[in-house]
Amino acid sequence: MATYRGGCHCGEIAFEVEGELTEAIECNCSICTRKGYLHWIVPRGSFRLLTADDGIVTYTFNTGVAKHYFCAICGCAPYYVPRSDPDKIDVNIRCLEGIDPADLKRGYFDGRNWEQAHRAGITYERPRAK
């Protein structure tokens, strides 16, 4: 098991996460598309915040289950609590140090059709434009 460090752009948020990072999940929902988020969902016990949480801002929408955390200073969104797994943490792989996302297996989640996609799960073929 490896330990990865990550955080926001300015350093106000820093964290460590333990696990085996082998794949990145891309989602096409409205917020993930705009943020350029690449997902790695881990158990809460595998995630450790290294900085105080007073510089973290929370954004919620729709069902309010997902808690999107971002830095109040630089606006970077390094992790959040996912609607699909609210007992876990979803780390933005692009906010991890020393990781090239191109080296990871890529899965896709059709977040624009969240309910159906959640039932169907992740696919490993890039969705085709309609």
N, C-alpha and C. Protein backbone atom coordinates (compact mmCIF):
# COMPACT_ATOMS: atom_id res chain seq x y z
N MET A 1 0.85 -1.18 0.00
CA MET A 1 0.00 0.00 0.00
C MET A 1 0.89 1.24 0.00
N ALA A 2 0.53 2.21 -0.82
CA ALA A 2 1.31 3.43 -0.96
C ALA A 2 0.62 4.59 -0.24
N THR A 3 1.40 5.59 0.11
CA THR A 3 0.87 6.82 0.68
C THR A 3 1.15 7.95 -0.29
N TYR A 4 0.11 8.70 -0.61
CA TYR A 4 0.20 9.82 -1.54
C TYR A 4 -0.09 11.10 -0.78
N ARG A 5 0.60 12.17 -1.16
CA ARG A 5 0.33 13.50 -0.62
C ARG A 5 -0.40 14.32 -1.67
N GLY A 6 -1.26 15.19 -1.20
CA GLY A 6 -1.99 16.04 -2.13
C GLY A 6 -2.46 17.30 -1.43
N GLY A 7 -3.12 18.14 -2.21
CA GLY A 7 -3.65 19.37 -1.63
C GLY A 7 -4.09 20.34 -2.70
N CYS A 8 -4.38 21.53 -2.24
CA CYS A 8 -4.81 22.59 -3.16
C CYS A 8 -3.58 23.29 -3.75
N HIS A 9 -3.82 24.26 -4.60
CA HIS A 9 -2.74 24.97 -5.29
C HIS A 9 -1.88 25.80 -4.34
N CYS A 10 -2.50 26.51 -3.40
CA CYS A 10 -1.74 27.42 -2.53
C CYS A 10 -1.17 26.76 -1.29
N GLY A 11 -1.59 25.53 -0.97
CA GLY A 11 -1.07 24.82 0.19
C GLY A 11 -1.92 24.96 1.44
N GLU A 12 -3.00 25.71 1.37
CA GLU A 12 -3.88 25.87 2.53
C GLU A 12 -4.52 24.54 2.93
N ILE A 13 -4.76 23.67 1.95
CA ILE A 13 -5.29 22.33 2.20
C ILE A 13 -4.22 21.33 1.80
N ALA A 14 -3.85 20.46 2.74
CA ALA A 14 -2.91 19.38 2.46
C ALA A 14 -3.45 18.11 3.10
N PHE A 15 -3.21 16.98 2.43
CA PHE A 15 -3.70 15.71 2.95
C PHE A 15 -2.80 14.57 2.51
N GLU A 16 -2.98 13.43 3.15
CA GLU A 16 -2.37 12.18 2.74
C GLU A 16 -3.48 11.17 2.51
N VAL A 17 -3.24 10.27 1.58
CA VAL A 17 -4.20 9.20 1.31
C VAL A 17 -3.42 7.92 1.06
N GLU A 18 -3.90 6.83 1.66
CA GLU A 18 -3.25 5.54 1.50
C GLU A 18 -4.10 4.63 0.64
N GLY A 19 -3.44 3.85 -0.18
CA GLY A 19 -4.15 2.89 -1.01
C GLY A 19 -3.35 2.55 -2.24
N GLU A 20 -3.96 1.76 -3.08
CA GLU A 20 -3.35 1.38 -4.35
C GLU A 20 -4.10 2.12 -5.46
N LEU A 21 -3.46 3.11 -6.00
CA LEU A 21 -4.05 3.93 -7.06
C LEU A 21 -3.74 3.28 -8.41
N THR A 22 -4.75 2.67 -9.01
CA THR A 22 -4.56 1.98 -10.28
C THR A 22 -5.45 2.51 -11.39
N GLU A 23 -6.50 3.26 -11.01
CA GLU A 23 -7.40 3.76 -12.03
C GLU A 23 -7.96 5.12 -11.65
N ALA A 24 -8.32 5.87 -12.67
CA ALA A 24 -8.96 7.17 -12.51
C ALA A 24 -10.35 7.07 -13.11
N ILE A 25 -11.32 7.62 -12.43
CA ILE A 25 -12.68 7.62 -12.94
C ILE A 25 -13.01 9.04 -13.40
N GLU A 26 -13.44 9.16 -14.63
CA GLU A 26 -13.86 10.44 -15.19
C GLU A 26 -15.38 10.47 -15.22
N CYS A 27 -15.96 11.58 -14.82
CA CYS A 27 -17.41 11.75 -14.79
C CYS A 27 -17.78 12.94 -15.68
N ASN A 28 -18.89 12.82 -16.38
CA ASN A 28 -19.31 13.90 -17.28
C ASN A 28 -20.42 14.76 -16.71
N CYS A 29 -20.65 14.71 -15.39
CA CYS A 29 -21.69 15.56 -14.81
C CYS A 29 -21.26 17.04 -14.89
N SER A 30 -22.19 17.92 -14.58
CA SER A 30 -21.93 19.35 -14.75
C SER A 30 -20.78 19.86 -13.89
N ILE A 31 -20.66 19.41 -12.66
CA ILE A 31 -19.60 19.96 -11.80
C ILE A 31 -18.25 19.29 -12.08
N CYS A 32 -18.23 17.98 -12.30
CA CYS A 32 -16.95 17.30 -12.56
C CYS A 32 -16.34 17.75 -13.87
N THR A 33 -17.18 17.97 -14.87
CA THR A 33 -16.70 18.45 -16.16
C THR A 33 -16.05 19.82 -16.00
N ARG A 34 -16.70 20.70 -15.28
CA ARG A 34 -16.17 22.06 -15.11
C ARG A 34 -14.91 22.09 -14.26
N LYS A 35 -14.81 21.19 -13.27
CA LYS A 35 -13.64 21.15 -12.40
C LYS A 35 -12.50 20.33 -12.99
N GLY A 36 -12.78 19.50 -14.00
CA GLY A 36 -11.75 18.62 -14.54
C GLY A 36 -11.37 17.53 -13.55
N TYR A 37 -12.30 17.12 -12.74
CA TYR A 37 -12.07 16.16 -11.66
C TYR A 37 -11.77 14.77 -12.20
N LEU A 38 -10.78 14.11 -11.65
CA LEU A 38 -10.51 12.69 -11.87
C LEU A 38 -10.61 12.01 -10.52
N HIS A 39 -11.49 11.04 -10.40
CA HIS A 39 -11.88 10.47 -9.12
C HIS A 39 -11.09 9.25 -8.68
N TRP A 40 -10.81 9.21 -7.38
CA TRP A 40 -10.30 8.04 -6.68
C TRP A 40 -11.05 8.00 -5.36
N ILE A 41 -11.96 7.06 -5.21
CA ILE A 41 -12.78 6.96 -4.01
C ILE A 41 -12.11 5.99 -3.04
N VAL A 42 -11.89 6.47 -1.81
CA VAL A 42 -11.19 5.69 -0.79
C VAL A 42 -12.00 5.67 0.51
N PRO A 43 -11.77 4.66 1.36
CA PRO A 43 -12.41 4.67 2.68
C PRO A 43 -11.95 5.89 3.48
N ARG A 44 -12.83 6.41 4.33
CA ARG A 44 -12.46 7.59 5.13
C ARG A 44 -11.20 7.37 5.95
N GLY A 45 -11.00 6.15 6.43
CA GLY A 45 -9.82 5.84 7.23
C GLY A 45 -8.52 5.90 6.45
N SER A 46 -8.61 5.92 5.13
CA SER A 46 -7.42 6.01 4.28
C SER A 46 -7.03 7.45 3.97
N PHE A 47 -7.85 8.39 4.39
CA PHE A 47 -7.65 9.82 4.09
C PHE A 47 -7.34 10.55 5.38
N ARG A 48 -6.30 11.39 5.35
CA ARG A 48 -5.95 12.17 6.54
C ARG A 48 -5.66 13.60 6.15
N LEU A 49 -6.46 14.51 6.67
CA LEU A 49 -6.24 15.95 6.45
C LEU A 49 -5.05 16.38 7.30
N LEU A 50 -4.08 17.05 6.69
CA LEU A 50 -2.86 17.46 7.39
C LEU A 50 -2.90 18.91 7.85
N THR A 51 -3.86 19.67 7.36
CA THR A 51 -3.96 21.09 7.71
C THR A 51 -5.28 21.33 8.44
N ALA A 52 -5.37 22.49 9.06
CA ALA A 52 -6.62 22.87 9.72
C ALA A 52 -7.72 23.01 8.67
N ASP A 53 -8.95 22.79 9.08
CA ASP A 53 -10.06 22.86 8.13
C ASP A 53 -10.72 24.24 8.05
N ASP A 54 -10.12 25.25 8.68
CA ASP A 54 -10.74 26.58 8.65
C ASP A 54 -10.62 27.29 7.32
N GLY A 55 -9.77 26.81 6.40
CA GLY A 55 -9.65 27.40 5.06
C GLY A 55 -10.45 26.64 4.01
N ILE A 56 -11.27 25.69 4.47
CA ILE A 56 -12.04 24.86 3.55
C ILE A 56 -13.48 25.36 3.48
N VAL A 57 -13.98 25.49 2.27
CA VAL A 57 -15.35 25.90 2.03
C VAL A 57 -16.10 24.71 1.44
N THR A 58 -17.38 24.57 1.79
CA THR A 58 -18.19 23.45 1.32
C THR A 58 -19.28 23.95 0.38
N TYR A 59 -19.46 23.22 -0.71
CA TYR A 59 -20.51 23.52 -1.67
C TYR A 59 -21.38 22.28 -1.83
N THR A 60 -22.69 22.45 -1.77
CA THR A 60 -23.62 21.35 -2.02
C THR A 60 -24.68 21.84 -3.01
N PHE A 61 -25.30 20.89 -3.70
CA PHE A 61 -26.39 21.23 -4.62
C PHE A 61 -27.25 19.99 -4.79
N ASN A 62 -28.31 20.10 -5.54
CA ASN A 62 -29.21 18.99 -5.86
C ASN A 62 -29.66 18.28 -4.59
N THR A 63 -29.26 17.03 -4.37
CA THR A 63 -29.73 16.27 -3.20
C THR A 63 -29.05 16.71 -1.91
N GLY A 64 -27.92 17.40 -1.99
CA GLY A 64 -27.20 17.85 -0.81
C GLY A 64 -26.36 16.77 -0.16
N VAL A 65 -26.35 15.57 -0.70
CA VAL A 65 -25.57 14.47 -0.11
C VAL A 65 -24.08 14.68 -0.35
N ALA A 66 -23.70 14.99 -1.55
CA ALA A 66 -22.28 15.24 -1.86
C ALA A 66 -21.85 16.54 -1.21
N LYS A 67 -20.68 16.51 -0.62
CA LYS A 67 -20.09 17.70 0.01
C LYS A 67 -18.81 18.02 -0.75
N HIS A 68 -18.85 19.06 -1.57
CA HIS A 68 -17.71 19.45 -2.39
C HIS A 68 -16.87 20.46 -1.60
N TYR A 69 -15.64 20.07 -1.27
CA TYR A 69 -14.75 20.93 -0.50
C TYR A 69 -13.76 21.62 -1.42
N PHE A 70 -13.54 22.90 -1.16
CA PHE A 70 -12.55 23.63 -1.94
C PHE A 70 -11.88 24.67 -1.07
N CYS A 71 -10.73 25.13 -1.52
CA CYS A 71 -9.93 26.10 -0.77
C CYS A 71 -10.52 27.50 -0.88
N ALA A 72 -10.67 28.16 0.24
CA ALA A 72 -11.21 29.51 0.27
C ALA A 72 -10.23 30.52 -0.34
N ILE A 73 -8.97 30.17 -0.46
CA ILE A 73 -7.97 31.09 -1.00
C ILE A 73 -7.78 30.90 -2.50
N CYS A 74 -7.43 29.69 -2.93
CA CYS A 74 -7.10 29.48 -4.35
C CYS A 74 -8.25 28.87 -5.15
N GLY A 75 -9.28 28.37 -4.49
CA GLY A 75 -10.44 27.82 -5.19
C GLY A 75 -10.28 26.39 -5.66
N CYS A 76 -9.13 25.78 -5.42
CA CYS A 76 -8.88 24.41 -5.87
C CYS A 76 -9.77 23.43 -5.09
N ALA A 77 -10.24 22.38 -5.78
CA ALA A 77 -11.14 21.38 -5.18
C ALA A 77 -10.43 20.03 -5.11
N PRO A 78 -9.69 19.74 -4.03
CA PRO A 78 -8.88 18.53 -3.98
C PRO A 78 -9.60 17.25 -3.55
N TYR A 79 -10.76 17.37 -2.89
CA TYR A 79 -11.48 16.17 -2.46
C TYR A 79 -12.92 16.53 -2.14
N TYR A 80 -13.76 15.51 -2.03
CA TYR A 80 -15.13 15.72 -1.60
C TYR A 80 -15.75 14.43 -1.11
N VAL A 81 -16.92 14.52 -0.50
CA VAL A 81 -17.71 13.36 -0.10
C VAL A 81 -18.68 13.08 -1.24
N PRO A 82 -18.57 11.89 -1.88
CA PRO A 82 -19.40 11.62 -3.05
C PRO A 82 -20.83 11.18 -2.70
N ARG A 83 -21.74 11.56 -3.53
CA ARG A 83 -23.14 11.14 -3.38
C ARG A 83 -23.26 9.62 -3.47
N SER A 84 -22.48 9.01 -4.35
CA SER A 84 -22.56 7.57 -4.55
C SER A 84 -22.04 6.77 -3.36
N ASP A 85 -21.10 7.33 -2.60
CA ASP A 85 -20.48 6.66 -1.45
C ASP A 85 -20.25 7.67 -0.33
N PRO A 86 -21.32 8.15 0.34
CA PRO A 86 -21.15 9.23 1.31
C PRO A 86 -20.34 8.86 2.55
N ASP A 87 -20.01 7.58 2.72
CA ASP A 87 -19.17 7.16 3.83
C ASP A 87 -17.69 7.12 3.45
N LYS A 88 -17.38 7.58 2.23
CA LYS A 88 -16.00 7.57 1.73
C LYS A 88 -15.56 8.98 1.33
N ILE A 89 -14.33 9.08 0.89
CA ILE A 89 -13.77 10.34 0.40
C ILE A 89 -13.37 10.14 -1.06
N ASP A 90 -13.69 11.11 -1.88
CA ASP A 90 -13.34 11.08 -3.30
C ASP A 90 -12.22 12.10 -3.52
N VAL A 91 -11.04 11.58 -3.81
CA VAL A 91 -9.85 12.41 -4.00
C VAL A 91 -9.72 12.79 -5.47
N ASN A 92 -9.43 14.05 -5.73
CA ASN A 92 -9.16 14.50 -7.09
C ASN A 92 -7.72 14.12 -7.42
N ILE A 93 -7.55 13.12 -8.27
CA ILE A 93 -6.22 12.61 -8.62
C ILE A 93 -5.32 13.73 -9.15
N ARG A 94 -5.90 14.71 -9.79
CA ARG A 94 -5.09 15.82 -10.32
C ARG A 94 -4.48 16.68 -9.22
N CYS A 95 -4.91 16.47 -7.98
CA CYS A 95 -4.36 17.22 -6.85
C CYS A 95 -3.34 16.41 -6.05
N LEU A 96 -2.97 15.23 -6.55
CA LEU A 96 -1.95 14.40 -5.90
C LEU A 96 -0.58 14.73 -6.47
N GLU A 97 0.42 14.72 -5.61
CA GLU A 97 1.79 15.00 -6.03
C GLU A 97 2.39 13.79 -6.74
N GLY A 98 3.09 14.03 -7.85
CA GLY A 98 3.86 13.01 -8.52
C GLY A 98 3.06 11.96 -9.28
N ILE A 99 1.81 12.23 -9.55
CA ILE A 99 0.97 11.27 -10.27
C ILE A 99 0.69 11.81 -11.67
N ASP A 100 0.91 10.97 -12.68
CA ASP A 100 0.55 11.30 -14.05
C ASP A 100 -0.72 10.53 -14.37
N PRO A 101 -1.87 11.20 -14.46
CA PRO A 101 -3.13 10.50 -14.73
C PRO A 101 -3.12 9.66 -16.00
N ALA A 102 -2.26 10.00 -16.96
CA ALA A 102 -2.18 9.24 -18.20
C ALA A 102 -1.66 7.82 -17.97
N ASP A 103 -1.00 7.60 -16.83
CA ASP A 103 -0.46 6.27 -16.51
C ASP A 103 -1.51 5.34 -15.90
N LEU A 104 -2.69 5.86 -15.61
CA LEU A 104 -3.71 5.08 -14.92
C LEU A 104 -4.77 4.55 -15.88
N LYS A 105 -5.30 3.40 -15.55
CA LYS A 105 -6.45 2.86 -16.27
C LYS A 105 -7.59 3.87 -16.09
N ARG A 106 -8.38 4.08 -17.13
CA ARG A 106 -9.43 5.10 -17.08
C ARG A 106 -10.80 4.48 -17.16
N GLY A 107 -11.64 4.80 -16.20
CA GLY A 107 -13.04 4.40 -16.20
C GLY A 107 -13.90 5.63 -16.39
N TYR A 108 -15.14 5.44 -16.80
CA TYR A 108 -16.05 6.55 -17.07
C TYR A 108 -17.37 6.33 -16.35
N PHE A 109 -17.90 7.42 -15.82
CA PHE A 109 -19.19 7.40 -15.15
C PHE A 109 -20.07 8.44 -15.81
N ASP A 110 -21.25 8.03 -16.24
CA ASP A 110 -22.17 8.94 -16.93
C ASP A 110 -22.98 9.75 -15.92
N GLY A 111 -22.33 10.73 -15.32
CA GLY A 111 -22.97 11.55 -14.29
C GLY A 111 -24.09 12.44 -14.79
N ARG A 112 -24.17 12.66 -16.09
CA ARG A 112 -25.29 13.44 -16.64
C ARG A 112 -26.59 12.67 -16.52
N ASN A 113 -26.47 11.35 -16.38
CA ASN A 113 -27.62 10.46 -16.17
C ASN A 113 -27.35 9.68 -14.89
N TRP A 114 -27.21 10.40 -13.78
CA TRP A 114 -26.68 9.87 -12.53
C TRP A 114 -27.42 8.63 -12.04
N GLU A 115 -28.73 8.66 -11.95
CA GLU A 115 -29.49 7.54 -11.39
C GLU A 115 -29.24 6.25 -12.18
N GLN A 116 -29.35 6.32 -13.50
CA GLN A 116 -29.13 5.14 -14.34
C GLN A 116 -27.67 4.69 -14.26
N ALA A 117 -26.75 5.64 -14.27
CA ALA A 117 -25.33 5.30 -14.23
C ALA A 117 -24.96 4.67 -12.89
N HIS A 118 -25.54 5.15 -11.81
CA HIS A 118 -25.24 4.59 -10.49
C HIS A 118 -25.67 3.12 -10.43
N ARG A 119 -26.80 2.81 -11.03
CA ARG A 119 -27.25 1.41 -11.08
C ARG A 119 -26.36 0.57 -11.99
N ALA A 120 -25.91 1.15 -13.09
CA ALA A 120 -25.11 0.42 -14.08
C ALA A 120 -23.63 0.31 -13.69
N GLY A 121 -23.12 1.29 -12.95
CA GLY A 121 -21.72 1.29 -12.54
C GLY A 121 -20.81 1.98 -13.54
N ILE A 122 -19.53 1.77 -13.36
CA ILE A 122 -18.50 2.41 -14.18
C ILE A 122 -18.27 1.59 -15.43
N THR A 123 -18.07 2.26 -16.52
CA THR A 123 -17.72 1.60 -17.77
C THR A 123 -16.27 1.91 -18.10
N TYR A 124 -15.64 1.07 -18.90
CA TYR A 124 -14.23 1.29 -19.25
C TYR A 124 -14.06 1.61 -20.72
N GLU A 125 -15.13 2.01 -21.34
CA GLU A 125 -15.08 2.52 -22.70
C GLU A 125 -15.51 3.98 -22.64
N ARG A 126 -14.81 4.81 -23.38
CA ARG A 126 -15.17 6.22 -23.41
C ARG A 126 -16.55 6.37 -24.01
N PRO A 127 -17.43 7.12 -23.32
CA PRO A 127 -18.77 7.35 -23.87
C PRO A 127 -18.67 8.08 -25.21
N ARG A 128 -19.52 7.71 -26.11
CA ARG A 128 -19.54 8.37 -27.42
C ARG A 128 -20.46 9.57 -27.39
N ALA A 129 -20.08 10.61 -28.10
CA ALA A 129 -20.90 11.81 -28.18
C ALA A 129 -22.21 11.48 -28.87
N LYS A 130 -23.27 12.09 -28.36
CA LYS A 130 -24.60 11.84 -28.93
C LYS A 130 -24.95 12.88 -29.94
